[in-house]
Amino acid sequence: AATKKHEAIETDIAAYEERVLAVVAVAKELETENYHDIKRIAARKDNVLRLWEYLLELLKARRQRLEMNLGLQRVFQEMLYIMDWMDEMKVSEEDED
């Protein structure tokens, strides 16, 4: 369930990439046209890009944590299966004695 939720979050975030690219394009166009307050626009654009990259890093880290947790759950499940199997073997061995 957590993996599906994360995939939905990734899809939602990916939809915003076009908007981020549009901000960059508008900032570049304003710079080309020598907009009078280009320093403020450039600073905002840089902030948007910095926050976008940070969001993508957080998303990647969350995906890695989810995958690691899923792997640990599989190992734990296998361990429980082996422990149950060992208990069954002990009982059957004791029954034979």
PDB file of N, CA and C in Angstrom:
ATOM      1  N   ALA A   1       0.824  -1.198   0.000  1.00  0.00           N
ATOM      2  CA  ALA A   1       0.000   0.000   0.000  1.00  0.00           C
ATOM      3  C   ALA A   1       0.865   1.258   0.000  1.00  0.00           C
ATOM      4  N   ALA A   2       1.944   1.227   0.773  1.00  0.00           N
ATOM      5  CA  ALA A   2       2.825   2.400   0.845  1.00  0.00           C
ATOM      6  C   ALA A   2       3.497   2.651  -0.500  1.00  0.00           C
ATOM      7  N   THR A   3       3.826   1.576  -1.208  1.00  0.00           N
ATOM      8  CA  THR A   3       4.467   1.721  -2.517  1.00  0.00           C
ATOM      9  C   THR A   3       3.507   2.364  -3.513  1.00  0.00           C
ATOM     10  N   LYS A   4       2.263   1.931  -3.496  1.00  0.00           N
ATOM     11  CA  LYS A   4       1.256   2.515  -4.399  1.00  0.00           C
ATOM     12  C   LYS A   4       1.047   3.996  -4.082  1.00  0.00           C
ATOM     13  N   LYS A   5       1.011   4.312  -2.800  1.00  0.00           N
ATOM     14  CA  LYS A   5       0.840   5.706  -2.387  1.00  0.00           C
ATOM     15  C   LYS A   5       2.026   6.535  -2.873  1.00  0.00           C
ATOM     16  N   HIS A   6       3.229   5.982  -2.737  1.00  0.00           N
ATOM     17  CA  HIS A   6       4.420   6.705  -3.174  1.00  0.00           C
ATOM     18  C   HIS A   6       4.397   6.914  -4.691  1.00  0.00           C
ATOM     19  N   GLU A   7       3.980   5.893  -5.425  1.00  0.00           N
ATOM     20  CA  GLU A   7       3.894   6.032  -6.881  1.00  0.00           C
ATOM     21  C   GLU A   7       2.909   7.134  -7.264  1.00  0.00           C
ATOM     22  N   ALA A   8       1.812   7.233  -6.524  1.00  0.00           N
ATOM     23  CA  ALA A   8       0.840   8.303  -6.784  1.00  0.00           C
ATOM     24  C   ALA A   8       1.461   9.670  -6.502  1.00  0.00           C
ATOM     25  N   ILE A   9       2.239   9.754  -5.435  1.00  0.00           N
ATOM     26  CA  ILE A   9       2.925  11.009  -5.100  1.00  0.00           C
ATOM     27  C   ILE A   9       3.919  11.366  -6.200  1.00  0.00           C
ATOM     28  N   GLU A  10       4.680  10.375  -6.671  1.00  0.00           N
ATOM     29  CA  GLU A  10       5.641  10.619  -7.757  1.00  0.00           C
ATOM     30  C   GLU A  10       4.935  11.137  -9.007  1.00  0.00           C
ATOM     31  N   THR A  11       3.799  10.542  -9.326  1.00  0.00           N
ATOM     32  CA  THR A  11       3.035  10.971 -10.502  1.00  0.00           C
ATOM     33  C   THR A  11       2.549  12.406 -10.340  1.00  0.00           C
ATOM     34  N   ASP A  12       2.042  12.727  -9.165  1.00  0.00           N
ATOM     35  CA  ASP A  12       1.573  14.093  -8.903  1.00  0.00           C
ATOM     36  C   ASP A  12       2.713  15.100  -9.025  1.00  0.00           C
ATOM     37  N   ILE A  13       3.849  14.757  -8.464  1.00  0.00           N
ATOM     38  CA  ILE A  13       4.990  15.674  -8.497  1.00  0.00           C
ATOM     39  C   ILE A  13       5.521  15.826  -9.916  1.00  0.00           C
ATOM     40  N   ALA A  14       5.558  14.733 -10.666  1.00  0.00           N
ATOM     41  CA  ALA A  14       6.046  14.795 -12.047  1.00  0.00           C
ATOM     42  C   ALA A  14       5.191  15.741 -12.888  1.00  0.00           C
ATOM     43  N   ALA A  15       3.918  15.843 -12.555  1.00  0.00           N
ATOM     44  CA  ALA A  15       3.024  16.737 -13.294  1.00  0.00           C
ATOM     45  C   ALA A  15       3.425  18.204 -13.132  1.00  0.00           C
ATOM     46  N   TYR A  16       4.144  18.524 -12.082  1.00  0.00           N
ATOM     47  CA  TYR A  16       4.563  19.910 -11.837  1.00  0.00           C
ATOM     48  C   TYR A  16       5.838  20.289 -12.591  1.00  0.00           C
ATOM     49  N   GLU A  17       6.506  19.310 -13.181  1.00  0.00           N
ATOM     50  CA  GLU A  17       7.767  19.604 -13.867  1.00  0.00           C
ATOM     51  C   GLU A  17       7.569  20.629 -14.980  1.00  0.00           C
ATOM     52  N   GLU A  18       6.477  20.500 -15.725  1.00  0.00           N
ATOM     53  CA  GLU A  18       6.201  21.460 -16.796  1.00  0.00           C
ATOM     54  C   GLU A  18       6.086  22.879 -16.253  1.00  0.00           C
ATOM     55  N   ARG A  19       5.479  23.011 -15.098  1.00  0.00           N
ATOM     56  CA  ARG A  19       5.324  24.342 -14.495  1.00  0.00           C
ATOM     57  C   ARG A  19       6.677  24.920 -14.098  1.00  0.00           C
ATOM     58  N   VAL A  20       7.529  24.071 -13.570  1.00  0.00           N
ATOM     59  CA  VAL A  20       8.870  24.531 -13.190  1.00  0.00           C
ATOM     60  C   VAL A  20       9.631  24.970 -14.436  1.00  0.00           C
ATOM     61  N   LEU A  21       9.543  24.165 -15.490  1.00  0.00           N
ATOM     62  CA  LEU A  21      10.211  24.527 -16.742  1.00  0.00           C
ATOM     63  C   LEU A  21       9.627  25.813 -17.327  1.00  0.00           C
ATOM     64  N   ALA A  22       8.344  26.033 -17.141  1.00  0.00           N
ATOM     65  CA  ALA A  22       7.715  27.267 -17.622  1.00  0.00           C
ATOM     66  C   ALA A  22       8.255  28.475 -16.866  1.00  0.00           C
ATOM     67  N   VAL A  23       8.468  28.329 -15.565  1.00  0.00           N
ATOM     68  CA  VAL A  23       9.045  29.417 -14.767  1.00  0.00           C
ATOM     69  C   VAL A  23      10.434  29.762 -15.295  1.00  0.00           C
ATOM     70  N   VAL A  24      11.218  28.741 -15.574  1.00  0.00           N
ATOM     71  CA  VAL A  24      12.569  28.959 -16.105  1.00  0.00           C
ATOM     72  C   VAL A  24      12.494  29.659 -17.463  1.00  0.00           C
ATOM     73  N   ALA A  25      11.581  29.227 -18.308  1.00  0.00           N
ATOM     74  CA  ALA A  25      11.447  29.826 -19.639  1.00  0.00           C
ATOM     75  C   ALA A  25      11.028  31.292 -19.554  1.00  0.00           C
ATOM     76  N   VAL A  26      10.087  31.588 -18.683  1.00  0.00           N
ATOM     77  CA  VAL A  26       9.633  32.978 -18.531  1.00  0.00           C
ATOM     78  C   VAL A  26      10.771  33.842 -17.988  1.00  0.00           C
ATOM     79  N   ALA A  27      11.502  33.331 -17.026  1.00  0.00           N
ATOM     80  CA  ALA A  27      12.631  34.083 -16.465  1.00  0.00           C
ATOM     81  C   ALA A  27      13.677  34.361 -17.541  1.00  0.00           C
ATOM     82  N   LYS A  28      13.931  33.362 -18.372  1.00  0.00           N
ATOM     83  CA  LYS A  28      14.914  33.539 -19.452  1.00  0.00           C
ATOM     84  C   LYS A  28      14.420  34.582 -20.454  1.00  0.00           C
ATOM     85  N   GLU A  29      13.140  34.525 -20.769  1.00  0.00           N
ATOM     86  CA  GLU A  29      12.568  35.499 -21.701  1.00  0.00           C
ATOM     87  C   GLU A  29      12.647  36.913 -21.132  1.00  0.00           C
ATOM     88  N   LEU A  30      12.345  37.060 -19.853  1.00  0.00           N
ATOM     89  CA  LEU A  30      12.437  38.380 -19.220  1.00  0.00           C
ATOM     90  C   LEU A  30      13.877  38.889 -19.218  1.00  0.00           C
ATOM     91  N   GLU A  31      14.806  37.974 -19.001  1.00  0.00           N
ATOM     92  CA  GLU A  31      16.219  38.367 -19.029  1.00  0.00           C
ATOM     93  C   GLU A  31      16.621  38.816 -20.430  1.00  0.00           C
ATOM     94  N   THR A  32      16.158  38.092 -21.435  1.00  0.00           N
ATOM     95  CA  THR A  32      16.459  38.440 -22.825  1.00  0.00           C
ATOM     96  C   THR A  32      15.918  39.821 -23.176  1.00  0.00           C
ATOM     97  N   GLU A  33      14.760  40.144 -22.619  1.00  0.00           N
ATOM     98  CA  GLU A  33      14.128  41.433 -22.904  1.00  0.00           C
ATOM     99  C   GLU A  33      14.584  42.540 -21.953  1.00  0.00           C
ATOM    100  N   ASN A  34      15.624  42.244 -21.159  1.00  0.00           N
ATOM    101  CA  ASN A  34      16.193  43.222 -20.225  1.00  0.00           C
ATOM    102  C   ASN A  34      15.154  43.794 -19.262  1.00  0.00           C
ATOM    103  N   TYR A  35      14.391  42.925 -18.661  1.00  0.00           N
ATOM    104  CA  TYR A  35      13.390  43.332 -17.671  1.00  0.00           C
ATOM    105  C   TYR A  35      14.091  44.096 -16.548  1.00  0.00           C
ATOM    106  N   HIS A  36      13.475  45.172 -16.076  1.00  0.00           N
ATOM    107  CA  HIS A  36      14.128  46.074 -15.124  1.00  0.00           C
ATOM    108  C   HIS A  36      14.430  45.422 -13.770  1.00  0.00           C
ATOM    109  N   ASP A  37      13.644  44.426 -13.366  1.00  0.00           N
ATOM    110  CA  ASP A  37      13.842  43.800 -12.052  1.00  0.00           C
ATOM    111  C   ASP A  37      14.303  42.344 -12.208  1.00  0.00           C
ATOM    112  N   ILE A  38      15.211  42.140 -13.148  1.00  0.00           N
ATOM    113  CA  ILE A  38      15.626  40.771 -13.479  1.00  0.00           C
ATOM    114  C   ILE A  38      16.348  40.088 -12.320  1.00  0.00           C
ATOM    115  N   LYS A  39      17.005  40.863 -11.467  1.00  0.00           N
ATOM    116  CA  LYS A  39      17.704  40.246 -10.331  1.00  0.00           C
ATOM    117  C   LYS A  39      16.720  39.534  -9.407  1.00  0.00           C
ATOM    118  N   ARG A  40      15.601  40.180  -9.152  1.00  0.00           N
ATOM    119  CA  ARG A  40      14.581  39.565  -8.295  1.00  0.00           C
ATOM    120  C   ARG A  40      13.981  38.338  -8.980  1.00  0.00           C
ATOM    121  N   ILE A  41      13.741  38.439 -10.278  1.00  0.00           N
ATOM    122  CA  ILE A  41      13.178  37.310 -11.034  1.00  0.00           C
ATOM    123  C   ILE A  41      14.162  36.143 -11.035  1.00  0.00           C
ATOM    124  N   ALA A  42      15.435  36.446 -11.266  1.00  0.00           N
ATOM    125  CA  ALA A  42      16.458  35.395 -11.287  1.00  0.00           C
ATOM    126  C   ALA A  42      16.580  34.725  -9.918  1.00  0.00           C
ATOM    127  N   ALA A  43      16.494  35.526  -8.871  1.00  0.00           N
ATOM    128  CA  ALA A  43      16.575  34.964  -7.517  1.00  0.00           C
ATOM    129  C   ALA A  43      15.395  34.036  -7.250  1.00  0.00           C
ATOM    130  N   ARG A  44      14.222  34.441  -7.668  1.00  0.00           N
ATOM    131  CA  ARG A  44      13.033  33.591  -7.486  1.00  0.00           C
ATOM    132  C   ARG A  44      13.151  32.317  -8.310  1.00  0.00           C
ATOM    133  N   LYS A  45      13.613  32.461  -9.547  1.00  0.00           N
ATOM    134  CA  LYS A  45      13.791  31.291 -10.411  1.00  0.00           C
ATOM    135  C   LYS A  45      14.780  30.324  -9.775  1.00  0.00           C
ATOM    136  N   ASP A  46      15.897  30.847  -9.288  1.00  0.00           N
ATOM    137  CA  ASP A  46      16.901  29.999  -8.639  1.00  0.00           C
ATOM    138  C   ASP A  46      16.324  29.308  -7.409  1.00  0.00           C
ATOM    139  N   ASN A  47      15.499  30.029  -6.667  1.00  0.00           N
ATOM    140  CA  ASN A  47      14.864  29.441  -5.488  1.00  0.00           C
ATOM    141  C   ASN A  47      13.905  28.318  -5.893  1.00  0.00           C
ATOM    142  N   VAL A  48      13.127  28.550  -6.936  1.00  0.00           N
ATOM    143  CA  VAL A  48      12.204  27.517  -7.428  1.00  0.00           C
ATOM    144  C   VAL A  48      12.990  26.279  -7.849  1.00  0.00           C
ATOM    145  N   LEU A  49      14.073  26.482  -8.589  1.00  0.00           N
ATOM    146  CA  LEU A  49      14.883  25.344  -9.042  1.00  0.00           C
ATOM    147  C   LEU A  49      15.528  24.614  -7.871  1.00  0.00           C
ATOM    148  N   ARG A  50      15.999  25.368  -6.889  1.00  0.00           N
ATOM    149  CA  ARG A  50      16.614  24.753  -5.708  1.00  0.00           C
ATOM    150  C   ARG A  50      15.595  23.914  -4.948  1.00  0.00           C
ATOM    151  N   LEU A  51      14.413  24.471  -4.746  1.00  0.00           N
ATOM    152  CA  LEU A  51      13.361  23.739  -4.037  1.00  0.00           C
ATOM    153  C   LEU A  51      12.883  22.525  -4.834  1.00  0.00           C
ATOM    154  N   TRP A  52      12.818  22.666  -6.157  1.00  0.00           N
ATOM    155  CA  TRP A  52      12.420  21.548  -7.015  1.00  0.00           C
ATOM    156  C   TRP A  52      13.419  20.396  -6.890  1.00  0.00           C
ATOM    157  N   GLU A  53      14.707  20.719  -6.962  1.00  0.00           N
ATOM    158  CA  GLU A  53      15.740  19.686  -6.825  1.00  0.00           C
ATOM    159  C   GLU A  53      15.679  19.037  -5.444  1.00  0.00           C
ATOM    160  N   TYR A  54      15.445  19.840  -4.421  1.00  0.00           N
ATOM    161  CA  TYR A  54      15.335  19.308  -3.062  1.00  0.00           C
ATOM    162  C   TYR A  54      14.143  18.358  -2.949  1.00  0.00           C
ATOM    163  N   LEU A  55      13.027  18.744  -3.545  1.00  0.00           N
ATOM    164  CA  LEU A  55      11.841  17.885  -3.538  1.00  0.00           C
ATOM    165  C   LEU A  55      12.134  16.559  -4.235  1.00  0.00           C
ATOM    166  N   LEU A  56      12.813  16.607  -5.370  1.00  0.00           N
ATOM    167  CA  LEU A  56      13.153  15.378  -6.091  1.00  0.00           C
ATOM    168  C   LEU A  56      14.103  14.500  -5.274  1.00  0.00           C
ATOM    169  N   GLU A  57      15.045  15.128  -4.568  1.00  0.00           N
ATOM    170  CA  GLU A  57      15.950  14.364  -3.694  1.00  0.00           C
ATOM    171  C   GLU A  57      15.173  13.680  -2.574  1.00  0.00           C
ATOM    172  N   LEU A  58      14.245  14.413  -1.966  1.00  0.00           N
ATOM    173  CA  LEU A  58      13.424  13.833  -0.898  1.00  0.00           C
ATOM    174  C   LEU A  58      12.583  12.671  -1.419  1.00  0.00           C
ATOM    175  N   LEU A  59      12.056  12.837  -2.609  1.00  0.00           N
ATOM    176  CA  LEU A  59      11.243  11.790  -3.222  1.00  0.00           C
ATOM    177  C   LEU A  59      12.074  10.538  -3.482  1.00  0.00           C
ATOM    178  N   LYS A  60      13.276  10.743  -3.979  1.00  0.00           N
ATOM    179  CA  LYS A  60      14.174   9.611  -4.244  1.00  0.00           C
ATOM    180  C   LYS A  60      14.554   8.909  -2.938  1.00  0.00           C
ATOM    181  N   ALA A  61      14.849   9.686  -1.914  1.00  0.00           N
ATOM    182  CA  ALA A  61      15.217   9.104  -0.616  1.00  0.00           C
ATOM    183  C   ALA A  61      14.047   8.322  -0.030  1.00  0.00           C
ATOM    184  N   ARG A  62      12.842   8.841  -0.184  1.00  0.00           N
ATOM    185  CA  ARG A  62      11.662   8.134   0.326  1.00  0.00           C
ATOM    186  C   ARG A  62      11.481   6.814  -0.408  1.00  0.00           C
ATOM    187  N   ARG A  63      11.662   6.831  -1.726  1.00  0.00           N
ATOM    188  CA  ARG A  63      11.550   5.605  -2.521  1.00  0.00           C
ATOM    189  C   ARG A  63      12.572   4.577  -2.032  1.00  0.00           C
ATOM    190  N   GLN A  64      13.808   5.013  -1.795  1.00  0.00           N
ATOM    191  CA  GLN A  64      14.853   4.099  -1.324  1.00  0.00           C
ATOM    192  C   GLN A  64      14.496   3.512   0.036  1.00  0.00           C
ATOM    193  N   ARG A  65      13.970   4.344   0.932  1.00  0.00           N
ATOM    194  CA  ARG A  65      13.562   3.840   2.252  1.00  0.00           C
ATOM    195  C   ARG A  65      12.431   2.828   2.133  1.00  0.00           C
ATOM    196  N   LEU A  66      11.471   3.114   1.265  1.00  0.00           N
ATOM    197  CA  LEU A  66      10.367   2.176   1.062  1.00  0.00           C
ATOM    198  C   LEU A  66      10.872   0.840   0.527  1.00  0.00           C
ATOM    199  N   GLU A  67      11.775   0.895  -0.455  1.00  0.00           N
ATOM    200  CA  GLU A  67      12.316  -0.338  -1.025  1.00  0.00           C
ATOM    201  C   GLU A  67      13.117  -1.115   0.014  1.00  0.00           C
ATOM    202  N   MET A  68      13.883  -0.404   0.836  1.00  0.00           N
ATOM    203  CA  MET A  68      14.652  -1.065   1.881  1.00  0.00           C
ATOM    204  C   MET A  68      13.715  -1.714   2.901  1.00  0.00           C
ATOM    205  N   ASN A  69      12.674  -0.993   3.298  1.00  0.00           N
ATOM    206  CA  ASN A  69      11.712  -1.554   4.248  1.00  0.00           C
ATOM    207  C   ASN A  69      11.002  -2.770   3.677  1.00  0.00           C
ATOM    208  N   LEU A  70      10.665  -2.714   2.403  1.00  0.00           N
ATOM    209  CA  LEU A  70      10.022  -3.858   1.763  1.00  0.00           C
ATOM    210  C   LEU A  70      10.961  -5.061   1.756  1.00  0.00           C
ATOM    211  N   GLY A  71      12.229  -4.824   1.456  1.00  0.00           N
ATOM    212  CA  GLY A  71      13.221  -5.897   1.497  1.00  0.00           C
ATOM    213  C   GLY A  71      13.358  -6.486   2.891  1.00  0.00           C
ATOM    214  N   LEU A  72      13.384  -5.621   3.893  1.00  0.00           N
ATOM    215  CA  LEU A  72      13.472  -6.098   5.279  1.00  0.00           C
ATOM    216  C   LEU A  72      12.238  -6.904   5.668  1.00  0.00           C
ATOM    217  N   GLN A  73      11.082  -6.470   5.218  1.00  0.00           N
ATOM    218  CA  GLN A  73       9.858  -7.226   5.506  1.00  0.00           C
ATOM    219  C   GLN A  73       9.917  -8.615   4.881  1.00  0.00           C
ATOM    220  N   ARG A  74      10.444  -8.699   3.664  1.00  0.00           N
ATOM    221  CA  ARG A  74      10.573 -10.005   2.999  1.00  0.00           C
ATOM    222  C   ARG A  74      11.532 -10.909   3.764  1.00  0.00           C
ATOM    223  N   VAL A  75      12.660 -10.347   4.193  1.00  0.00           N
ATOM    224  CA  VAL A  75      13.630 -11.131   4.961  1.00  0.00           C
ATOM    225  C   VAL A  75      13.004 -11.590   6.270  1.00  0.00           C
ATOM    226  N   PHE A  76      12.302 -10.706   6.933  1.00  0.00           N
ATOM    227  CA  PHE A  76      11.661 -11.053   8.199  1.00  0.00           C
ATOM    228  C   PHE A  76      10.611 -12.145   7.992  1.00  0.00           C
ATOM    229  N   GLN A  77       9.835 -12.033   6.925  1.00  0.00           N
ATOM    230  CA  GLN A  77       8.822 -13.043   6.617  1.00  0.00           C
ATOM    231  C   GLN A  77       9.482 -14.397   6.369  1.00  0.00           C
ATOM    232  N   GLU A  78      10.575 -14.389   5.628  1.00  0.00           N
ATOM    233  CA  GLU A  78      11.318 -15.631   5.363  1.00  0.00           C
ATOM    234  C   GLU A  78      11.875 -16.204   6.663  1.00  0.00           C
ATOM    235  N   MET A  79      12.362 -15.331   7.525  1.00  0.00           N
ATOM    236  CA  MET A  79      12.893 -15.771   8.811  1.00  0.00           C
ATOM    237  C   MET A  79      11.796 -16.431   9.648  1.00  0.00           C
ATOM    238  N   LEU A  80      10.614 -15.836   9.665  1.00  0.00           N
ATOM    239  CA  LEU A  80       9.493 -16.434  10.397  1.00  0.00           C
ATOM    240  C   LEU A  80       9.122 -17.797   9.816  1.00  0.00           C
ATOM    241  N   TYR A  81       9.135 -17.882   8.501  1.00  0.00           N
ATOM    242  CA  TYR A  81       8.833 -19.152   7.841  1.00  0.00           C
ATOM    243  C   TYR A  81       9.849 -20.218   8.251  1.00  0.00           C
ATOM    244  N   ILE A  82      11.112 -19.866   8.268  1.00  0.00           N
ATOM    245  CA  ILE A  82      12.167 -20.815   8.643  1.00  0.00           C
ATOM    246  C   ILE A  82      12.039 -21.202  10.111  1.00  0.00           C
ATOM    247  N   MET A  83      11.730 -20.241  10.970  1.00  0.00           N
ATOM    248  CA  MET A  83      11.561 -20.555  12.393  1.00  0.00           C
ATOM    249  C   MET A  83      10.382 -21.510  12.605  1.00  0.00           C
ATOM    250  N   ASP A  84       9.280 -21.275  11.898  1.00  0.00           N
ATOM    251  CA  ASP A  84       8.133 -22.185  11.988  1.00  0.00           C
ATOM    252  C   ASP A  84       8.514 -23.576  11.499  1.00  0.00           C
ATOM    253  N   TRP A  85       9.244 -23.625  10.396  1.00  0.00           N
ATOM    254  CA  TRP A  85       9.682 -24.905   9.842  1.00  0.00           C
ATOM    255  C   TRP A  85      10.579 -25.637  10.842  1.00  0.00           C
ATOM    256  N   MET A  86      11.494 -24.893  11.493  1.00  0.00           N
ATOM    257  CA  MET A  86      12.380 -25.509  12.488  1.00  0.00           C
ATOM    258  C   MET A  86      11.575 -26.042  13.673  1.00  0.00           C
ATOM    259  N   ASP A  87      10.569 -25.290  14.117  1.00  0.00           N
ATOM    260  CA  ASP A  87       9.710 -25.757  15.211  1.00  0.00           C
ATOM    261  C   ASP A  87       8.983 -27.041  14.816  1.00  0.00           C
ATOM    262  N   GLU A  88       8.494 -27.096  13.590  1.00  0.00           N
ATOM    263  CA  GLU A  88       7.820 -28.303  13.110  1.00  0.00           C
ATOM    264  C   GLU A  88       8.780 -29.489  13.083  1.00  0.00           C
ATOM    265  N   MET A  89      10.006 -29.229  12.673  1.00  0.00           N
ATOM    266  CA  MET A  89      11.004 -30.306  12.614  1.00  0.00           C
ATOM    267  C   MET A  89      11.330 -30.806  14.019  1.00  0.00           C
ATOM    268  N   LYS A  90      11.423 -29.895  14.979  1.00  0.00           N
ATOM    269  CA  LYS A  90      11.683 -30.293  16.368  1.00  0.00           C
ATOM    270  C   LYS A  90      10.558 -31.182  16.886  1.00  0.00           C
ATOM    271  N   VAL A  91       9.317 -30.754  16.633  1.00  0.00           N
ATOM    272  CA  VAL A  91       8.160 -31.511  17.106  1.00  0.00           C
ATOM    273  C   VAL A  91       8.136 -32.894  16.468  1.00  0.00           C
ATOM    274  N   SER A  92       8.378 -32.972  15.171  1.00  0.00           N
ATOM    275  CA  SER A  92       8.349 -34.278  14.506  1.00  0.00           C
ATOM    276  C   SER A  92       9.507 -35.150  14.968  1.00  0.00           C
ATOM    277  N   GLU A  93      10.648 -34.544  15.288  1.00  0.00           N
ATOM    278  CA  GLU A  93      11.793 -35.309  15.792  1.00  0.00           C
ATOM    279  C   GLU A  93      11.500 -35.828  17.192  1.00  0.00           C
ATOM    280  N   GLU A  94      10.869 -34.983  18.011  1.00  0.00           N
ATOM    281  CA  GLU A  94      10.510 -35.403  19.366  1.00  0.00           C
ATOM    282  C   GLU A  94       9.465 -36.519  19.324  1.00  0.00           C
ATOM    283  N   ASP A  95       8.555 -36.444  18.360  1.00  0.00           N
ATOM    284  CA  ASP A  95       7.534 -37.479  18.221  1.00  0.00           C
ATOM    285  C   ASP A  95       8.156 -38.817  17.828  1.00  0.00           C
ATOM    286  N   GLU A  96       9.224 -38.770  17.042  1.00  0.00           N
ATOM    287  CA  GLU A  96       9.888 -40.000  16.609  1.00  0.00           C
ATOM    288  C   GLU A  96      10.637 -40.657  17.757  1.00  0.00           C
ATOM    289  N   ASP A  97      11.086 -39.865  18.718  1.00  0.00           N
ATOM    290  CA  ASP A  97      11.831 -40.409  19.862  1.00  0.00           C
ATOM    291  C   ASP A  97      10.870 -40.982  20.821  1.00  0.00           C
TER     292      ASP A  97
END
